[in-house]
Amino acid sequence: HYPSIMIPSAPQQSHARTFMGCHGQTRYLLSCNSLPQKVVIINSAFMRYGARLNLDREMTKRFRLGTSLSMNRSQQGLNRTENGGVGAGATGILAAMTFDPTLAPRNESGAWNLKATLGEQLDNPVANALEIQNPRRVSRLLGSGFGEYALSDALRFRSTIGTNFSAERTPTYLPSTSPAGAQFQGSASIYSNQGVELTNENTVDYHRSLLGSNLGLLGGVAIQR
């Protein structure tokens, strides 16, 4: 009974577009995508979208510049729908499988039946899944830029600077109408975290033909913080 309520149909779709080409000495590629999905368990929809941009331009016959940027953002409704815990602490499908199947989700007045007693107090998993708001939002930006200079036909110097930025924000709201929030008369909190990485890489690349063979040497140094 309760597992069938917790698992409705889950349609999924995806969209993607890519544009690429060149103009003079400039080459480019732009792509974007989105993935809206109603996950298997009620009120646990997932949304992800992103974009990528690559640019490369020959400034002179010996000097070239380029950049690569990638961004994505996702949101997932956790909302006590993930499987975890045991007994009274069970959530998701595990809770639905152990909750009293003879007890209707709502009482005659339309309010949630918050708990059932089967040896221990069990939260109504449907009420928790539909009432609790707990979206997990994650954003990430990857970016790099490089400059490359040909010191000669065989020797090239390349310097690259990159960054990796990530941020997460997960608010949690347990209304007093939910089993998890009833004992606190409602509860709210926010988890937030972010981080930044910076990198710098410098390389020297040497290529030439020698005695009918190709000789290649690569050396460099990288710094990360």
Protein backbone atom coordinates (compact mmCIF):
# COMPACT_ATOMS: atom_id res chain seq x y z
CA HIS A 1 0.00 0.00 0.00
CA TYR A 2 2.50 2.62 1.12
CA PRO A 3 5.30 1.53 -1.25
CA SER A 4 2.89 1.88 -4.20
CA ILE A 5 2.03 5.44 -3.08
CA MET A 6 5.71 6.32 -2.74
CA ILE A 7 6.59 5.06 -6.23
CA PRO A 8 4.56 6.83 -8.97
CA SER A 9 5.48 6.91 -12.65
CA ALA A 10 8.76 8.74 -13.31
CA PRO A 11 9.03 10.42 -16.73
CA GLN A 12 12.42 11.72 -17.84
CA GLN A 13 13.55 13.96 -20.67
CA SER A 14 16.78 15.59 -21.76
CA HIS A 15 17.67 18.46 -24.09
CA ALA A 16 21.01 19.42 -25.65
CA ARG A 17 22.22 21.98 -28.17
CA THR A 18 25.69 22.44 -29.65
CA PHE A 19 27.02 25.25 -31.83
CA MET A 20 30.50 25.19 -33.31
CA GLY A 21 32.39 26.92 -36.06
CA CYS A 22 35.14 29.36 -36.91
CA HIS A 23 35.47 32.98 -37.93
CA GLY A 24 38.80 34.05 -39.31
CA GLN A 25 41.43 32.85 -36.84
CA THR A 26 38.88 32.15 -34.12
CA ARG A 27 37.36 28.74 -33.41
CA TYR A 28 34.48 28.25 -30.99
CA LEU A 29 32.20 25.63 -29.51
CA LEU A 30 29.15 26.36 -27.37
CA SER A 31 26.97 23.64 -25.90
CA CYS A 32 24.15 23.59 -23.37
CA ASN A 33 22.04 20.83 -21.87
CA SER A 34 19.27 20.22 -19.39
CA LEU A 35 17.92 17.13 -17.66
CA PRO A 36 14.58 17.47 -15.87
CA GLN A 37 13.58 14.22 -14.21
CA LYS A 38 10.85 13.10 -11.85
CA VAL A 39 12.71 10.53 -9.84
CA VAL A 40 11.08 7.25 -8.85
CA ILE A 41 10.02 8.36 -5.34
CA ILE A 42 7.37 11.08 -4.85
CA ASN A 43 8.55 14.68 -4.40
CA SER A 44 12.18 13.87 -5.23
CA ALA A 45 12.49 15.52 -8.64
CA PHE A 46 15.95 16.10 -10.08
CA MET A 47 16.99 18.97 -12.36
CA ARG A 48 20.38 19.54 -13.92
CA TYR A 49 21.47 22.00 -16.55
CA GLY A 50 24.85 23.14 -17.80
CA ALA A 51 26.77 24.97 -20.48
CA ARG A 52 30.28 24.80 -21.97
CA LEU A 53 32.24 27.32 -24.02
CA ASN A 54 35.55 26.73 -25.80
CA LEU A 55 37.35 29.56 -27.60
CA ASP A 56 40.66 29.38 -29.46
CA ARG A 57 42.23 32.23 -31.44
CA GLU A 58 45.54 32.55 -33.31
CA MET A 59 46.68 36.07 -32.51
CA THR A 60 49.77 35.81 -34.73
CA LYS A 61 51.57 32.98 -36.50
CA ARG A 62 53.43 32.24 -33.28
CA PHE A 63 51.03 33.27 -30.52
CA ARG A 64 47.71 31.60 -29.61
CA LEU A 65 45.15 32.26 -26.87
CA GLY A 66 42.30 30.07 -25.68
CA THR A 67 39.79 29.54 -22.91
CA SER A 68 37.45 26.82 -21.72
CA LEU A 69 34.50 27.42 -19.40
CA SER A 70 32.09 24.84 -18.05
CA MET A 71 29.16 25.50 -15.70
CA ASN A 72 26.54 23.20 -14.29
CA ARG A 73 23.86 23.45 -11.64
CA SER A 74 21.69 20.73 -10.17
CA GLN A 75 18.81 20.54 -7.74
CA GLN A 76 17.49 17.40 -6.13
CA GLY A 77 14.52 17.18 -3.79
CA LEU A 78 15.72 14.96 -0.94
CA ASN A 79 12.68 15.62 1.28
CA ARG A 80 13.13 12.46 3.39
CA THR A 81 12.72 10.31 0.28
CA GLU A 82 16.20 8.74 0.34
CA ASN A 83 16.42 5.27 1.83
CA GLY A 84 18.16 5.23 5.20
CA GLY A 85 17.92 4.30 8.84
CA VAL A 86 16.19 1.35 10.49
CA GLY A 87 13.13 0.99 12.66
CA ALA A 88 11.71 4.34 13.77
CA GLY A 89 14.53 6.15 11.94
CA ALA A 90 13.76 4.60 8.55
CA THR A 91 13.05 6.90 5.58
CA GLY A 92 11.99 6.49 1.96
CA ILE A 93 10.93 3.07 0.70
CA LEU A 94 12.31 1.37 3.81
CA ALA A 95 9.88 3.37 5.92
CA ALA A 96 7.01 2.66 3.52
CA MET A 97 7.64 -1.08 3.77
CA THR A 98 7.51 -1.07 7.58
CA PHE A 99 4.66 1.42 8.12
CA ASP A 100 1.23 0.04 9.12
CA PRO A 101 -0.53 -0.75 5.80
CA THR A 102 -3.97 -0.72 7.48
CA LEU A 103 -3.63 2.94 8.50
CA ALA A 104 -4.71 5.47 5.84
CA PRO A 105 -2.26 8.31 5.06
CA ARG A 106 -4.86 10.88 6.24
CA ASN A 107 -7.58 10.75 8.88
CA GLU A 108 -11.27 11.55 8.34
CA SER A 109 -10.70 15.31 8.78
CA GLY A 110 -8.04 15.30 6.07
CA ALA A 111 -5.04 15.76 8.38
CA TRP A 112 -2.08 13.41 8.20
CA ASN A 113 -1.96 10.35 10.40
CA LEU A 114 1.50 11.27 11.68
CA LYS A 115 2.59 8.02 13.28
CA ALA A 116 1.77 4.35 13.61
CA THR A 117 2.69 2.11 16.50
CA LEU A 118 4.08 -1.27 15.47
CA GLY A 119 6.32 -2.07 18.42
CA GLU A 120 7.77 1.46 18.04
CA GLN A 121 6.59 4.84 16.80
CA LEU A 122 6.95 5.01 13.00
CA ASP A 123 6.63 8.25 11.00
CA ASN A 124 4.15 8.38 8.13
CA PRO A 125 6.57 8.22 5.14
CA VAL A 126 4.11 9.79 2.69
CA ALA A 127 3.50 12.77 4.96
CA ASN A 128 7.22 13.31 5.46
CA ALA A 129 7.96 13.05 1.73
CA LEU A 130 5.24 15.52 0.71
CA GLU A 131 5.50 18.03 3.56
CA ILE A 132 9.25 18.34 4.11
CA GLN A 133 11.16 20.76 1.87
CA ASN A 134 14.81 19.77 1.55
CA PRO A 135 16.17 20.68 -1.92
CA ARG A 136 19.91 20.16 -2.42
CA ARG A 137 21.35 22.76 -4.83
CA VAL A 138 24.88 22.37 -6.16
CA SER A 139 26.67 24.72 -8.58
CA ARG A 140 30.08 24.22 -10.16
CA LEU A 141 32.23 26.34 -12.46
CA LEU A 142 35.36 25.04 -14.17
CA GLY A 143 37.38 27.53 -16.14
CA SER A 144 40.80 27.81 -17.69
CA GLY A 145 42.68 30.10 -20.03
CA PHE A 146 45.95 29.54 -21.82
CA GLY A 147 48.54 31.33 -23.88
CA GLU A 148 50.89 29.47 -26.20
CA TYR A 149 53.96 30.93 -27.89
CA ALA A 150 56.09 29.21 -30.50
CA LEU A 151 59.69 30.12 -29.71
CA SER A 152 60.69 28.24 -32.85
CA ASP A 153 59.21 25.64 -35.18
CA ALA A 154 60.25 22.94 -32.71
CA LEU A 155 59.88 24.67 -29.33
CA ARG A 156 56.64 25.90 -27.75
CA PHE A 157 55.90 27.47 -24.38
CA ARG A 158 52.41 27.22 -22.87
CA SER A 159 50.99 28.76 -19.70
CA THR A 160 47.58 27.82 -18.32
CA ILE A 161 45.58 29.32 -15.44
CA GLY A 162 42.52 27.48 -14.16
CA THR A 163 39.90 27.60 -11.44
CA ASN A 164 37.43 25.16 -9.93
CA PHE A 165 34.61 26.77 -7.96
CA SER A 166 31.86 24.78 -6.26
CA ALA A 167 29.01 25.80 -3.98
CA GLU A 168 26.26 23.88 -2.22
CA ARG A 169 23.19 25.19 -0.44
CA THR A 170 20.67 22.83 1.16
CA PRO A 171 17.78 24.37 3.12
CA THR A 172 15.66 22.09 5.29
CA TYR A 173 12.13 22.93 6.40
CA LEU A 174 10.17 20.56 8.61
CA PRO A 175 6.65 22.02 9.00
CA SER A 176 4.62 21.22 12.09
CA THR A 177 2.22 19.28 9.83
CA SER A 178 4.92 16.70 9.10
CA PRO A 179 5.72 13.81 11.46
CA ALA A 180 9.38 14.86 11.65
CA GLY A 181 8.52 18.49 12.48
CA ALA A 182 5.48 18.02 14.72
CA GLN A 183 7.53 17.45 17.88
CA PHE A 184 9.40 20.74 17.32
CA GLN A 185 6.35 22.76 16.22
CA GLY A 186 8.20 23.19 12.94
CA SER A 187 11.92 23.51 12.26
CA ALA A 188 14.14 25.15 9.63
CA SER A 189 17.87 25.18 8.89
CA ILE A 190 20.29 25.81 6.03
CA TYR A 191 23.53 24.03 5.15
CA SER A 192 25.92 26.01 2.96
CA ASN A 193 29.40 25.24 1.70
CA GLN A 194 31.70 26.52 -1.04
CA GLY A 195 35.27 26.01 -2.20
CA VAL A 196 37.71 27.43 -4.74
CA GLU A 197 40.79 25.84 -6.30
CA LEU A 198 43.32 27.76 -8.39
CA THR A 199 45.92 26.17 -10.64
CA ASN A 200 48.79 27.40 -12.80
CA GLU A 201 50.68 25.18 -15.21
CA ASN A 202 53.67 26.15 -17.35
CA THR A 203 55.16 23.75 -19.89
CA VAL A 204 57.79 23.70 -22.59
CA ASP A 205 57.23 21.29 -25.48
CA TYR A 206 59.98 20.30 -27.92
CA HIS A 207 59.37 18.29 -31.11
CA ARG A 208 61.61 17.56 -34.06
CA SER A 209 62.57 14.83 -36.49
CA LEU A 210 65.84 13.11 -35.73
CA LEU A 211 67.42 10.33 -37.81
CA GLY A 212 64.10 9.38 -39.35
CA SER A 213 62.28 9.34 -36.00
CA ASN A 214 60.21 11.85 -34.06
CA LEU A 215 61.70 13.19 -30.84
CA GLY A 216 59.42 14.78 -28.27
CA LEU A 217 60.31 16.29 -24.91
CA LEU A 218 57.92 17.87 -22.41
CA GLY A 219 58.82 19.61 -19.17
CA GLY A 220 56.98 21.93 -16.84
CA VAL A 221 55.83 23.00 -13.42
CA ALA A 222 52.35 23.14 -11.88
CA ILE A 223 51.07 25.02 -8.83
CA GLN A 224 47.75 24.41 -7.08
CA ARG A 225 46.12 26.06 -4.10
